[in-house]
Amino acid sequence: MRLEFDYKIIMNHKKIKRIMREKYLITKIRRKNPYKQIMKKSQEHRTFDNILDRNFKQDVPRKVLCTDITYLYYGCGRKAYLQAIKDIATREIVSWKLSNNLAMNFVLESVKNLTDIKNDSLIHSDQGFHYTNPEYIVDIKKLNLIQSMSRKGNCIDNSPMETFFGHLKDDIDYKQAMTFEELSDMINEYMNYYNTQRYQWELKKMTPVKYRDHLLSQKT
């Protein structure tokens, strides 16, 4: 328009684009500002205070939960993702979901599978994309749970989950699974073993499920 009205030169816009490419001319006008995109994302994705604050000594089942995601290699280099939720008091894995991608659904499904959760219970996570996502926040509110988050880059704030994932990776040879279905069966078997058969010194030599029953009997 400036060429036409200010300089009386009529030129097709495609020709202008071609000349710009040939002369390496790049306009900054209307280009997306990456910082604005980051700001937009930060407004959509919320973080929460570290309410748990490493208070890992709990004695009420289903009152304080931790959650995280880890990756598992299988089938000659393929990667799967495991989302798990752990009861801090009993060390029981109360919900889990395996996925072959990082879409939001598998995290949301593991939350929806929670049972016997008390109102105003705490669920602690890191500041990962899934846990700051608006969909996740809405589902947590529907369950009347309170969100807590680790400080950025501080994995010790969520050490119960780090410890569990370490045990899982030591205890099962998941890399031998050749298909996603085989890996899924391995994980389900291990979760059952961990919750009902794996005795722990710190749980008065009980399994997580037996220790949960023990704690509940103490409250009655």
N, C-alpha and C. Protein backbone atom coordinates (compact mmCIF):
# COMPACT_ATOMS: atom_id res chain seq x y z
N MET A 1 0.83 -1.21 0.00
CA MET A 1 0.00 0.00 0.00
C MET A 1 0.86 1.26 0.00
N ARG A 2 1.95 1.21 0.73
CA ARG A 2 2.84 2.39 0.74
C ARG A 2 3.46 2.60 -0.63
N LEU A 3 3.87 1.50 -1.30
CA LEU A 3 4.42 1.64 -2.64
C LEU A 3 3.41 2.28 -3.58
N GLU A 4 2.18 1.84 -3.48
CA GLU A 4 1.15 2.34 -4.39
C GLU A 4 0.78 3.79 -4.10
N PHE A 5 0.51 4.11 -2.84
CA PHE A 5 -0.02 5.44 -2.52
C PHE A 5 1.06 6.50 -2.33
N ASP A 6 2.23 6.10 -1.83
CA ASP A 6 3.27 7.10 -1.58
C ASP A 6 4.26 7.22 -2.74
N TYR A 7 4.47 6.08 -3.48
CA TYR A 7 5.49 6.11 -4.54
C TYR A 7 4.91 5.81 -5.93
N LYS A 8 3.60 5.58 -6.00
CA LYS A 8 2.91 5.33 -7.28
C LYS A 8 3.48 4.12 -8.01
N ILE A 9 3.88 3.12 -7.23
CA ILE A 9 4.42 1.88 -7.81
C ILE A 9 3.43 0.75 -7.52
N ILE A 10 2.95 0.13 -8.59
CA ILE A 10 2.01 -0.97 -8.43
C ILE A 10 2.80 -2.28 -8.48
N MET A 11 2.74 -3.06 -7.41
CA MET A 11 3.51 -4.29 -7.36
C MET A 11 2.72 -5.37 -6.61
N ASN A 12 2.68 -6.57 -7.19
CA ASN A 12 1.99 -7.68 -6.58
C ASN A 12 2.68 -8.09 -5.27
N HIS A 13 1.87 -8.43 -4.27
CA HIS A 13 2.46 -8.77 -2.96
C HIS A 13 3.36 -10.01 -3.03
N LYS A 14 3.07 -10.92 -3.98
CA LYS A 14 3.93 -12.10 -4.12
C LYS A 14 5.32 -11.72 -4.60
N LYS A 15 5.39 -10.70 -5.49
CA LYS A 15 6.68 -10.23 -5.97
C LYS A 15 7.47 -9.58 -4.84
N ILE A 16 6.76 -8.83 -4.01
CA ILE A 16 7.41 -8.20 -2.85
C ILE A 16 8.01 -9.26 -1.94
N LYS A 17 7.25 -10.33 -1.67
CA LYS A 17 7.76 -11.40 -0.83
C LYS A 17 8.99 -12.07 -1.45
N ARG A 18 8.96 -12.23 -2.80
CA ARG A 18 10.09 -12.86 -3.47
C ARG A 18 11.34 -11.99 -3.35
N ILE A 19 11.17 -10.69 -3.56
CA ILE A 19 12.31 -9.77 -3.45
C ILE A 19 12.85 -9.76 -2.02
N MET A 20 11.96 -9.79 -1.05
CA MET A 20 12.40 -9.81 0.35
C MET A 20 13.22 -11.06 0.65
N ARG A 21 12.78 -12.21 0.10
CA ARG A 21 13.53 -13.44 0.31
C ARG A 21 14.90 -13.36 -0.32
N GLU A 22 14.96 -12.81 -1.55
CA GLU A 22 16.23 -12.71 -2.27
C GLU A 22 17.21 -11.77 -1.56
N LYS A 23 16.69 -10.72 -0.95
CA LYS A 23 17.54 -9.72 -0.28
C LYS A 23 17.68 -9.99 1.24
N TYR A 24 17.11 -11.14 1.67
CA TYR A 24 17.16 -11.50 3.10
C TYR A 24 16.58 -10.39 3.99
N LEU A 25 15.46 -9.84 3.54
CA LEU A 25 14.78 -8.79 4.31
C LEU A 25 13.68 -9.42 5.15
N ILE A 26 13.76 -9.24 6.47
CA ILE A 26 12.78 -9.83 7.38
C ILE A 26 12.17 -8.73 8.23
N THR A 27 10.86 -8.61 8.17
CA THR A 27 10.21 -7.59 8.97
C THR A 27 9.91 -8.10 10.38
N LYS A 28 10.00 -7.21 11.36
CA LYS A 28 9.68 -7.56 12.74
C LYS A 28 8.21 -7.30 13.05
N ILE A 29 7.54 -6.64 12.15
CA ILE A 29 6.14 -6.29 12.37
C ILE A 29 5.27 -7.55 12.37
N ARG A 30 4.42 -7.67 13.38
CA ARG A 30 3.45 -8.76 13.52
C ARG A 30 4.08 -10.10 13.88
N ARG A 31 5.38 -10.16 14.10
CA ARG A 31 5.99 -11.41 14.53
C ARG A 31 5.61 -11.68 15.98
N LYS A 32 5.39 -12.95 16.32
CA LYS A 32 5.00 -13.31 17.68
C LYS A 32 6.15 -13.06 18.64
N ASN A 33 5.83 -12.44 19.75
CA ASN A 33 6.82 -12.18 20.78
C ASN A 33 6.90 -13.40 21.69
N PRO A 34 8.06 -14.10 21.73
CA PRO A 34 8.14 -15.32 22.54
C PRO A 34 7.90 -15.08 24.02
N TYR A 35 8.28 -13.91 24.50
CA TYR A 35 8.07 -13.60 25.92
C TYR A 35 6.59 -13.46 26.25
N LYS A 36 5.82 -12.90 25.28
CA LYS A 36 4.38 -12.81 25.49
C LYS A 36 3.76 -14.20 25.53
N GLN A 37 4.29 -15.13 24.70
CA GLN A 37 3.78 -16.49 24.71
C GLN A 37 4.03 -17.16 26.04
N ILE A 38 5.22 -16.93 26.61
CA ILE A 38 5.55 -17.49 27.91
C ILE A 38 4.64 -16.92 28.98
N MET A 39 4.40 -15.60 28.92
CA MET A 39 3.53 -14.96 29.89
C MET A 39 2.10 -15.52 29.79
N LYS A 40 1.66 -15.76 28.57
CA LYS A 40 0.32 -16.31 28.37
C LYS A 40 0.22 -17.69 29.00
N LYS A 41 1.26 -18.51 28.78
CA LYS A 41 1.26 -19.85 29.35
C LYS A 41 1.27 -19.80 30.87
N SER A 42 2.06 -18.89 31.43
CA SER A 42 2.16 -18.82 32.89
C SER A 42 0.85 -18.38 33.51
N GLN A 43 0.04 -17.64 32.76
CA GLN A 43 -1.26 -17.23 33.27
C GLN A 43 -2.26 -18.39 33.22
N GLU A 44 -2.08 -19.29 32.26
CA GLU A 44 -2.97 -20.43 32.14
C GLU A 44 -2.58 -21.55 33.11
N HIS A 45 -1.29 -21.76 33.28
CA HIS A 45 -0.78 -22.82 34.14
C HIS A 45 -0.40 -22.24 35.49
N ARG A 46 -1.03 -22.74 36.55
CA ARG A 46 -0.81 -22.18 37.89
C ARG A 46 0.10 -23.08 38.72
N THR A 47 0.93 -22.46 39.53
CA THR A 47 1.71 -23.20 40.52
C THR A 47 1.10 -22.95 41.90
N PHE A 48 1.46 -23.82 42.86
CA PHE A 48 0.92 -23.72 44.21
C PHE A 48 2.05 -23.77 45.24
N ASP A 49 1.76 -23.27 46.43
CA ASP A 49 2.77 -23.25 47.49
C ASP A 49 3.13 -24.66 47.94
N ASN A 50 4.31 -24.78 48.52
CA ASN A 50 4.78 -26.06 49.05
C ASN A 50 4.21 -26.24 50.46
N ILE A 51 2.94 -26.63 50.53
CA ILE A 51 2.26 -26.79 51.81
C ILE A 51 2.82 -27.99 52.58
N LEU A 52 3.16 -29.07 51.86
CA LEU A 52 3.69 -30.27 52.52
C LEU A 52 4.99 -29.97 53.25
N ASP A 53 5.87 -29.21 52.60
CA ASP A 53 7.12 -28.74 53.21
C ASP A 53 7.92 -29.89 53.84
N ARG A 54 8.02 -31.00 53.12
CA ARG A 54 8.79 -32.18 53.54
C ARG A 54 8.31 -32.80 54.85
N ASN A 55 7.06 -32.58 55.20
CA ASN A 55 6.50 -33.20 56.40
C ASN A 55 6.01 -34.60 56.05
N PHE A 56 6.97 -35.52 55.89
CA PHE A 56 6.66 -36.86 55.41
C PHE A 56 6.22 -37.83 56.51
N LYS A 57 6.25 -37.39 57.76
CA LYS A 57 5.79 -38.23 58.86
C LYS A 57 4.28 -38.03 59.03
N GLN A 58 3.51 -38.94 58.50
CA GLN A 58 2.05 -38.86 58.55
C GLN A 58 1.49 -40.14 59.15
N ASP A 59 0.35 -40.06 59.83
CA ASP A 59 -0.23 -41.26 60.43
C ASP A 59 -1.72 -41.40 60.15
N VAL A 60 -2.24 -40.63 59.20
CA VAL A 60 -3.65 -40.74 58.81
C VAL A 60 -3.72 -41.18 57.35
N PRO A 61 -4.20 -42.39 57.09
CA PRO A 61 -4.29 -42.87 55.70
C PRO A 61 -5.14 -41.95 54.82
N ARG A 62 -4.70 -41.80 53.59
CA ARG A 62 -5.41 -41.03 52.55
C ARG A 62 -5.52 -39.54 52.86
N LYS A 63 -4.72 -39.05 53.79
CA LYS A 63 -4.79 -37.63 54.14
C LYS A 63 -3.76 -36.81 53.38
N VAL A 64 -2.59 -37.40 53.10
CA VAL A 64 -1.53 -36.71 52.36
C VAL A 64 -1.03 -37.64 51.26
N LEU A 65 -1.09 -37.18 50.03
CA LEU A 65 -0.69 -37.96 48.87
C LEU A 65 0.44 -37.25 48.13
N CYS A 66 1.29 -38.06 47.51
CA CYS A 66 2.31 -37.52 46.61
C CYS A 66 2.12 -38.14 45.23
N THR A 67 2.48 -37.41 44.20
CA THR A 67 2.32 -37.92 42.85
C THR A 67 3.46 -37.45 41.96
N ASP A 68 3.76 -38.25 40.96
CA ASP A 68 4.83 -37.90 40.02
C ASP A 68 4.74 -38.80 38.80
N ILE A 69 5.56 -38.47 37.79
CA ILE A 69 5.64 -39.25 36.55
C ILE A 69 7.09 -39.68 36.34
N THR A 70 7.29 -40.92 35.92
CA THR A 70 8.62 -41.38 35.55
C THR A 70 8.53 -42.06 34.19
N TYR A 71 9.68 -42.24 33.55
CA TYR A 71 9.69 -42.91 32.25
C TYR A 71 10.32 -44.28 32.38
N LEU A 72 9.88 -45.20 31.51
CA LEU A 72 10.38 -46.57 31.50
C LEU A 72 10.68 -46.97 30.06
N TYR A 73 11.91 -47.39 29.80
CA TYR A 73 12.27 -47.85 28.46
C TYR A 73 11.95 -49.33 28.30
N TYR A 74 11.40 -49.69 27.15
CA TYR A 74 11.06 -51.08 26.88
C TYR A 74 11.15 -51.31 25.38
N GLY A 75 11.08 -52.56 24.95
CA GLY A 75 10.98 -52.90 23.54
C GLY A 75 12.01 -52.24 22.65
N CYS A 76 13.28 -52.41 22.97
CA CYS A 76 14.38 -51.89 22.15
C CYS A 76 14.34 -50.36 22.00
N GLY A 77 14.19 -49.66 23.10
CA GLY A 77 14.33 -48.21 23.08
C GLY A 77 13.05 -47.41 23.11
N ARG A 78 11.90 -48.08 23.08
CA ARG A 78 10.65 -47.32 23.20
C ARG A 78 10.47 -46.83 24.63
N LYS A 79 9.70 -45.76 24.79
CA LYS A 79 9.55 -45.14 26.11
C LYS A 79 8.08 -45.10 26.52
N ALA A 80 7.83 -45.50 27.76
CA ALA A 80 6.49 -45.38 28.35
C ALA A 80 6.58 -44.47 29.57
N TYR A 81 5.44 -44.00 30.01
CA TYR A 81 5.40 -43.05 31.13
C TYR A 81 4.45 -43.59 32.20
N LEU A 82 4.93 -43.59 33.43
CA LEU A 82 4.15 -44.10 34.55
C LEU A 82 3.81 -42.95 35.50
N GLN A 83 2.51 -42.75 35.70
CA GLN A 83 2.01 -41.78 36.68
C GLN A 83 1.53 -42.56 37.88
N ALA A 84 1.99 -42.19 39.08
CA ALA A 84 1.59 -42.90 40.29
C ALA A 84 1.25 -41.91 41.39
N ILE A 85 0.34 -42.34 42.28
CA ILE A 85 -0.05 -41.54 43.44
C ILE A 85 0.17 -42.38 44.69
N LYS A 86 0.89 -41.84 45.65
CA LYS A 86 1.31 -42.58 46.84
C LYS A 86 0.72 -41.97 48.10
N ASP A 87 0.21 -42.83 48.98
CA ASP A 87 -0.26 -42.41 50.30
C ASP A 87 0.98 -42.29 51.20
N ILE A 88 1.24 -41.10 51.71
CA ILE A 88 2.45 -40.88 52.50
C ILE A 88 2.43 -41.67 53.80
N ALA A 89 1.27 -41.76 54.46
CA ALA A 89 1.19 -42.44 55.75
C ALA A 89 1.45 -43.93 55.64
N THR A 90 0.89 -44.57 54.61
CA THR A 90 0.97 -46.03 54.50
C THR A 90 1.97 -46.51 53.45
N ARG A 91 2.45 -45.58 52.61
CA ARG A 91 3.34 -45.87 51.48
C ARG A 91 2.67 -46.72 50.40
N GLU A 92 1.36 -46.81 50.47
CA GLU A 92 0.60 -47.56 49.47
C GLU A 92 0.46 -46.75 48.20
N ILE A 93 0.59 -47.41 47.05
CA ILE A 93 0.33 -46.76 45.77
C ILE A 93 -1.17 -46.89 45.51
N VAL A 94 -1.88 -45.78 45.65
CA VAL A 94 -3.34 -45.82 45.63
C VAL A 94 -3.93 -45.67 44.23
N SER A 95 -3.12 -45.22 43.29
CA SER A 95 -3.58 -45.12 41.90
C SER A 95 -2.38 -45.01 40.99
N TRP A 96 -2.50 -45.57 39.79
CA TRP A 96 -1.41 -45.46 38.82
C TRP A 96 -1.96 -45.62 37.41
N LYS A 97 -1.20 -45.14 36.46
CA LYS A 97 -1.59 -45.24 35.05
C LYS A 97 -0.35 -45.24 34.18
N LEU A 98 -0.29 -46.18 33.25
CA LEU A 98 0.82 -46.27 32.30
C LEU A 98 0.36 -45.75 30.95
N SER A 99 1.23 -45.01 30.27
CA SER A 99 0.87 -44.43 28.97
C SER A 99 2.08 -44.50 28.04
N ASN A 100 1.81 -44.56 26.73
CA ASN A 100 2.92 -44.50 25.76
C ASN A 100 3.13 -43.09 25.23
N ASN A 101 2.44 -42.10 25.83
CA ASN A 101 2.67 -40.70 25.47
C ASN A 101 2.40 -39.83 26.69
N LEU A 102 2.70 -38.55 26.56
CA LEU A 102 2.57 -37.62 27.68
C LEU A 102 1.31 -36.75 27.59
N ALA A 103 0.29 -37.24 26.89
CA ALA A 103 -0.97 -36.50 26.83
C ALA A 103 -1.57 -36.40 28.23
N MET A 104 -2.41 -35.40 28.44
CA MET A 104 -2.97 -35.14 29.77
C MET A 104 -3.82 -36.29 30.30
N ASN A 105 -4.44 -37.07 29.41
CA ASN A 105 -5.46 -38.03 29.82
C ASN A 105 -4.99 -39.02 30.88
N PHE A 106 -3.75 -39.53 30.74
CA PHE A 106 -3.35 -40.58 31.66
C PHE A 106 -3.15 -40.05 33.08
N VAL A 107 -2.79 -38.78 33.21
CA VAL A 107 -2.68 -38.17 34.54
C VAL A 107 -4.07 -37.93 35.11
N LEU A 108 -4.97 -37.43 34.30
CA LEU A 108 -6.33 -37.17 34.76
C LEU A 108 -7.04 -38.46 35.16
N GLU A 109 -6.79 -39.54 34.41
CA GLU A 109 -7.44 -40.81 34.72
C GLU A 109 -6.95 -41.36 36.05
N SER A 110 -5.67 -41.22 36.34
CA SER A 110 -5.15 -41.74 37.61
C SER A 110 -5.74 -40.99 38.79
N VAL A 111 -6.00 -39.70 38.60
CA VAL A 111 -6.64 -38.91 39.66
C VAL A 111 -8.09 -39.36 39.86
N LYS A 112 -8.79 -39.59 38.76
CA LYS A 112 -10.20 -39.99 38.84
C LYS A 112 -10.36 -41.38 39.45
N ASN A 113 -9.29 -42.19 39.43
CA ASN A 113 -9.35 -43.54 39.99
C ASN A 113 -9.13 -43.57 41.50
N LEU A 114 -8.87 -42.42 42.11
CA LEU A 114 -8.66 -42.36 43.55
C LEU A 114 -9.94 -42.75 44.29
N THR A 115 -9.78 -43.53 45.35
CA THR A 115 -10.93 -43.92 46.17
C THR A 115 -10.61 -43.68 47.65
N ASP A 116 -11.66 -43.56 48.46
CA ASP A 116 -11.52 -43.39 49.92
C ASP A 116 -10.68 -42.17 50.29
N ILE A 117 -10.74 -41.14 49.48
CA ILE A 117 -9.97 -39.93 49.76
C ILE A 117 -10.79 -38.99 50.63
N LYS A 118 -10.15 -38.43 51.63
CA LYS A 118 -10.85 -37.53 52.54
C LYS A 118 -10.94 -36.12 51.94
N ASN A 119 -11.98 -35.41 52.29
CA ASN A 119 -12.08 -34.00 51.89
C ASN A 119 -10.92 -33.21 52.49
N ASP A 120 -10.43 -32.27 51.70
CA ASP A 120 -9.32 -31.41 52.11
C ASP A 120 -8.02 -32.18 52.34
N SER A 121 -7.90 -33.37 51.76
CA SER A 121 -6.61 -34.06 51.77
C SER A 121 -5.64 -33.31 50.86
N LEU A 122 -4.37 -33.53 51.10
CA LEU A 122 -3.33 -32.83 50.35
C LEU A 122 -2.79 -33.73 49.26
N ILE A 123 -2.57 -33.18 48.07
CA ILE A 123 -1.89 -33.92 47.02
C ILE A 123 -0.71 -33.09 46.54
N HIS A 124 0.49 -33.66 46.68
CA HIS A 124 1.73 -32.93 46.43
C HIS A 124 2.39 -33.44 45.14
N SER A 125 2.94 -32.52 44.36
CA SER A 125 3.60 -32.87 43.11
C SER A 125 4.73 -31.89 42.85
N ASP A 126 5.44 -32.09 41.74
CA ASP A 126 6.38 -31.07 41.30
C ASP A 126 5.61 -30.03 40.48
N GLN A 127 6.35 -29.13 39.83
CA GLN A 127 5.71 -28.09 39.04
C GLN A 127 5.64 -28.45 37.56
N GLY A 128 5.54 -29.74 37.27
CA GLY A 128 5.49 -30.19 35.90
C GLY A 128 4.26 -29.71 35.14
N PHE A 129 4.34 -29.79 33.82
CA PHE A 129 3.28 -29.30 32.93
C PHE A 129 1.92 -29.87 33.29
N HIS A 130 1.87 -31.18 33.59
CA HIS A 130 0.58 -31.82 33.85
C HIS A 130 -0.07 -31.29 35.12
N TYR A 131 0.72 -31.03 36.15
CA TYR A 131 0.18 -30.67 37.46
C TYR A 131 -0.19 -29.19 37.56
N THR A 132 0.34 -28.38 36.66
CA THR A 132 -0.06 -26.97 36.62
C THR A 132 -1.14 -26.72 35.58
N ASN A 133 -1.52 -27.78 34.86
CA ASN A 133 -2.51 -27.66 33.79
C ASN A 133 -3.90 -27.35 34.36
N PRO A 134 -4.64 -26.43 33.73
CA PRO A 134 -5.99 -26.08 34.21
C PRO A 134 -6.93 -27.28 34.35
N GLU A 135 -6.82 -28.26 33.44
CA GLU A 135 -7.69 -29.44 33.53
C GLU A 135 -7.42 -30.22 34.81
N TYR A 136 -6.15 -30.37 35.15
CA TYR A 136 -5.77 -31.09 36.36
C TYR A 136 -6.26 -30.34 37.60
N ILE A 137 -6.07 -29.03 37.60
CA ILE A 137 -6.48 -28.21 38.74
C ILE A 137 -7.98 -28.33 38.98
N VAL A 138 -8.76 -28.32 37.90
CA VAL A 138 -10.22 -28.44 38.02
C VAL A 138 -10.59 -29.80 38.62
N ASP A 139 -9.96 -30.88 38.13
CA ASP A 139 -10.28 -32.22 38.64
C ASP A 139 -9.90 -32.36 40.11
N ILE A 140 -8.79 -31.76 40.51
CA ILE A 140 -8.37 -31.81 41.91
C ILE A 140 -9.40 -31.09 42.79
N LYS A 141 -9.90 -29.96 42.31
CA LYS A 141 -10.91 -29.22 43.07
C LYS A 141 -12.20 -30.03 43.19
N LYS A 142 -12.57 -30.75 42.14
CA LYS A 142 -13.79 -31.55 42.17
C LYS A 142 -13.71 -32.63 43.26
N LEU A 143 -12.50 -33.10 43.52
CA LEU A 143 -12.29 -34.12 44.55
C LEU A 143 -12.10 -33.51 45.93
N ASN A 144 -12.19 -32.17 46.01
CA ASN A 144 -11.99 -31.45 47.27
C ASN A 144 -10.60 -31.69 47.86
N LEU A 145 -9.62 -31.80 46.97
CA LEU A 145 -8.23 -31.96 47.39
C LEU A 145 -7.53 -30.60 47.37
N ILE A 146 -6.48 -30.48 48.16
CA ILE A 146 -5.68 -29.26 48.21
C ILE A 146 -4.34 -29.54 47.52
N GLN A 147 -3.96 -28.69 46.58
CA GLN A 147 -2.71 -28.88 45.86
C GLN A 147 -1.52 -28.28 46.60
N SER A 148 -0.41 -29.01 46.56
CA SER A 148 0.87 -28.56 47.10
C SER A 148 1.93 -28.89 46.06
N MET A 149 2.95 -28.05 45.94
CA MET A 149 3.98 -28.28 44.92
C MET A 149 5.38 -28.07 45.47
N SER A 150 6.29 -28.89 44.96
CA SER A 150 7.71 -28.74 45.30
C SER A 150 8.23 -27.41 44.79
N ARG A 151 9.27 -26.94 45.43
CA ARG A 151 9.95 -25.76 44.89
C ARG A 151 10.60 -26.13 43.56
N LYS A 152 10.73 -25.20 42.69
CA LYS A 152 11.23 -25.45 41.34
C LYS A 152 12.62 -26.06 41.39
N GLY A 153 12.79 -27.19 40.72
CA GLY A 153 14.10 -27.83 40.63
C GLY A 153 14.56 -28.51 41.89
N ASN A 154 13.64 -28.77 42.85
CA ASN A 154 14.03 -29.37 44.12
C ASN A 154 13.32 -30.72 44.28
N CYS A 155 13.96 -31.80 43.82
CA CYS A 155 13.32 -33.12 43.82
C CYS A 155 13.17 -33.69 45.23
N ILE A 156 13.96 -33.21 46.19
CA ILE A 156 13.87 -33.71 47.56
C ILE A 156 12.50 -33.39 48.17
N ASP A 157 11.88 -32.32 47.71
CA ASP A 157 10.55 -31.94 48.22
C ASP A 157 9.51 -33.01 47.91
N ASN A 158 9.81 -33.88 46.94
CA ASN A 158 8.88 -34.97 46.59
C ASN A 158 9.60 -36.31 46.68
N SER A 159 10.46 -36.45 47.68
CA SER A 159 11.31 -37.64 47.79
C SER A 159 10.55 -38.95 47.97
N PRO A 160 9.34 -38.98 48.58
CA PRO A 160 8.63 -40.27 48.66
C PRO A 160 8.37 -40.89 47.30
N MET A 161 8.08 -40.07 46.30
CA MET A 161 7.85 -40.61 44.96
C MET A 161 9.16 -41.02 44.31
N GLU A 162 10.21 -40.23 44.52
CA GLU A 162 11.53 -40.58 43.97
C GLU A 162 11.98 -41.92 44.53
N THR A 163 11.75 -42.13 45.84
CA THR A 163 12.14 -43.38 46.49
C THR A 163 11.37 -44.56 45.91
N PHE A 164 10.06 -44.38 45.73
CA PHE A 164 9.26 -45.48 45.18
C PHE A 164 9.70 -45.84 43.77
N PHE A 165 9.87 -44.85 42.92
CA PHE A 165 10.28 -45.14 41.55
C PHE A 165 11.64 -45.83 41.52
N GLY A 166 12.52 -45.47 42.46
CA GLY A 166 13.81 -46.13 42.55
C GLY A 166 13.66 -47.60 42.89
N HIS A 167 12.78 -47.93 43.84
CA HIS A 167 12.53 -49.33 44.20
C HIS A 167 11.95 -50.09 43.01
N LEU A 168 10.99 -49.47 42.34
CA LEU A 168 10.36 -50.13 41.19
C LEU A 168 11.38 -50.49 40.13
N LYS A 169 12.27 -49.56 39.82
CA LYS A 169 13.24 -49.79 38.75
C LYS A 169 14.33 -50.78 39.17
N ASP A 170 14.54 -50.91 40.49
CA ASP A 170 15.48 -51.93 40.98
C ASP A 170 14.85 -53.31 41.01
N ASP A 171 13.55 -53.37 41.30
CA ASP A 171 12.89 -54.65 41.56
C ASP A 171 12.43 -55.38 40.31
N ILE A 172 12.09 -54.66 39.24
CA ILE A 172 11.60 -55.36 38.05
C ILE A 172 12.48 -55.06 36.84
N ASP A 173 12.62 -56.06 35.98
CA ASP A 173 13.44 -55.91 34.77
C ASP A 173 12.55 -55.45 33.63
N TYR A 174 12.06 -54.21 33.75
CA TYR A 174 11.07 -53.71 32.80
C TYR A 174 11.61 -53.58 31.37
N LYS A 175 12.93 -53.48 31.22
CA LYS A 175 13.50 -53.35 29.88
C LYS A 175 13.34 -54.62 29.05
N GLN A 176 13.02 -55.73 29.72
CA GLN A 176 12.81 -56.98 29.00
C GLN A 176 11.45 -57.04 28.32
N ALA A 177 10.54 -56.14 28.70
CA ALA A 177 9.21 -56.12 28.06
C ALA A 177 9.37 -55.68 26.61
N MET A 178 8.79 -56.45 25.69
CA MET A 178 8.92 -56.13 24.27
C MET A 178 7.73 -55.35 23.73
N THR A 179 6.61 -55.39 24.44
CA THR A 179 5.43 -54.65 24.00
C THR A 179 4.90 -53.81 25.16
N PHE A 180 4.07 -52.85 24.83
CA PHE A 180 3.46 -52.01 25.85
C PHE A 180 2.57 -52.85 26.76
N GLU A 181 1.90 -53.83 26.20
CA GLU A 181 1.02 -54.69 26.99
C GLU A 181 1.82 -55.50 28.00
N GLU A 182 3.00 -56.02 27.59
CA GLU A 182 3.84 -56.76 28.52
C GLU A 182 4.31 -55.86 29.66
N LEU A 183 4.70 -54.64 29.31
CA LEU A 183 5.14 -53.69 30.34
C LEU A 183 4.00 -53.36 31.29
N SER A 184 2.81 -53.18 30.75
CA SER A 184 1.65 -52.87 31.58
C SER A 184 1.37 -53.99 32.57
N ASP A 185 1.48 -55.25 32.11
CA ASP A 185 1.27 -56.40 33.00
C ASP A 185 2.32 -56.42 34.11
N MET A 186 3.57 -56.11 33.73
CA MET A 186 4.65 -56.06 34.72
C MET A 186 4.36 -55.03 35.81
N ILE A 187 3.94 -53.85 35.37
CA ILE A 187 3.68 -52.77 36.32
C ILE A 187 2.52 -53.12 37.24
N ASN A 188 1.44 -53.66 36.69
CA ASN A 188 0.27 -54.03 37.51
C ASN A 188 0.64 -55.10 38.53
N GLU A 189 1.44 -56.08 38.10
CA GLU A 189 1.88 -57.13 39.02
C GLU A 189 2.73 -56.55 40.14
N TYR A 190 3.62 -55.62 39.76
CA TYR A 190 4.50 -55.04 40.78
C TYR A 190 3.72 -54.20 41.77
N MET A 191 2.75 -53.43 41.30
CA MET A 191 1.95 -52.61 42.20
C MET A 191 1.23 -53.48 43.22
N ASN A 192 0.68 -54.60 42.77
CA ASN A 192 0.01 -55.52 43.68
C ASN A 192 1.01 -56.11 44.69
N TYR A 193 2.19 -56.48 44.19
CA TYR A 193 3.24 -57.01 45.07
C TYR A 193 3.69 -55.96 46.08
N TYR A 194 3.93 -54.75 45.62
CA TYR A 194 4.42 -53.68 46.49
C TYR A 194 3.41 -53.36 47.59
N ASN A 195 2.15 -53.30 47.24
CA ASN A 195 1.11 -52.93 48.20
C ASN A 195 0.76 -54.05 49.18
N THR A 196 0.81 -55.29 48.72
CA THR A 196 0.27 -56.39 49.54
C THR A 196 1.30 -57.41 50.00
N GLN A 197 2.53 -57.41 49.42
CA GLN A 197 3.49 -58.45 49.77
C GLN A 197 4.87 -57.94 50.17
N ARG A 198 5.16 -56.70 49.86
CA ARG A 198 6.51 -56.17 50.13
C ARG A 198 6.55 -55.58 51.54
N TYR A 199 7.12 -56.33 52.48
CA TYR A 199 7.22 -55.88 53.87
C TYR A 199 8.29 -54.79 54.00
N GLN A 200 8.03 -53.82 54.88
CA GLN A 200 8.95 -52.70 55.04
C GLN A 200 9.25 -52.47 56.52
N TRP A 201 10.54 -52.30 56.84
CA TRP A 201 10.96 -52.09 58.21
C TRP A 201 10.27 -50.88 58.84
N GLU A 202 10.17 -49.81 58.06
CA GLU A 202 9.62 -48.56 58.59
C GLU A 202 8.12 -48.62 58.83
N LEU A 203 7.48 -49.67 58.33
CA LEU A 203 6.03 -49.85 58.53
C LEU A 203 5.78 -50.94 59.57
N LYS A 204 6.66 -51.03 60.56
CA LYS A 204 6.57 -52.06 61.61
C LYS A 204 6.57 -53.45 60.99
N LYS A 205 7.38 -53.62 59.95
CA LYS A 205 7.55 -54.89 59.24
C LYS A 205 6.25 -55.36 58.58
N MET A 206 5.38 -54.41 58.24
CA MET A 206 4.13 -54.74 57.56
C MET A 206 4.22 -54.32 56.10
N THR A 207 3.28 -54.80 55.30
CA THR A 207 3.10 -54.31 53.94
C THR A 207 2.31 -53.01 54.02
N PRO A 208 2.32 -52.20 52.97
CA PRO A 208 1.52 -50.97 52.99
C PRO A 208 0.05 -51.18 53.30
N VAL A 209 -0.57 -52.21 52.72
CA VAL A 209 -1.99 -52.44 52.97
C VAL A 209 -2.24 -52.85 54.42
N LYS A 210 -1.37 -53.75 54.95
CA LYS A 210 -1.53 -54.16 56.35
C LYS A 210 -1.30 -52.98 57.29
N TYR A 211 -0.35 -52.14 56.95
CA TYR A 211 -0.07 -50.98 57.80
C TYR A 211 -1.22 -49.98 57.76
N ARG A 212 -1.85 -49.86 56.59
CA ARG A 212 -3.04 -49.00 56.49
C ARG A 212 -4.13 -49.51 57.42
N ASP A 213 -4.39 -50.82 57.40
CA ASP A 213 -5.40 -51.40 58.29
C ASP A 213 -5.02 -51.19 59.75
N HIS A 214 -3.73 -51.31 60.03
CA HIS A 214 -3.24 -51.09 61.40
C HIS A 214 -3.52 -49.66 61.86
N LEU A 215 -3.22 -48.68 61.02
CA LEU A 215 -3.47 -47.28 61.37
C LEU A 215 -4.95 -47.00 61.56
N LEU A 216 -5.77 -47.58 60.71
CA LEU A 216 -7.21 -47.36 60.83
C LEU A 216 -7.76 -47.98 62.11
N SER A 217 -7.21 -49.12 62.49
CA SER A 217 -7.68 -49.77 63.72
C SER A 217 -7.29 -48.95 64.95
N GLN A 218 -6.17 -48.21 64.85
CA GLN A 218 -5.73 -47.40 65.95
C GLN A 218 -6.65 -46.19 66.17
N LYS A 219 -7.32 -45.76 65.10
CA LYS A 219 -8.18 -44.58 65.16
C LYS A 219 -9.58 -44.92 65.68
N THR A 220 -9.92 -46.22 65.69
CA THR A 220 -11.26 -46.59 66.12
C THR A 220 -11.31 -46.93 67.60
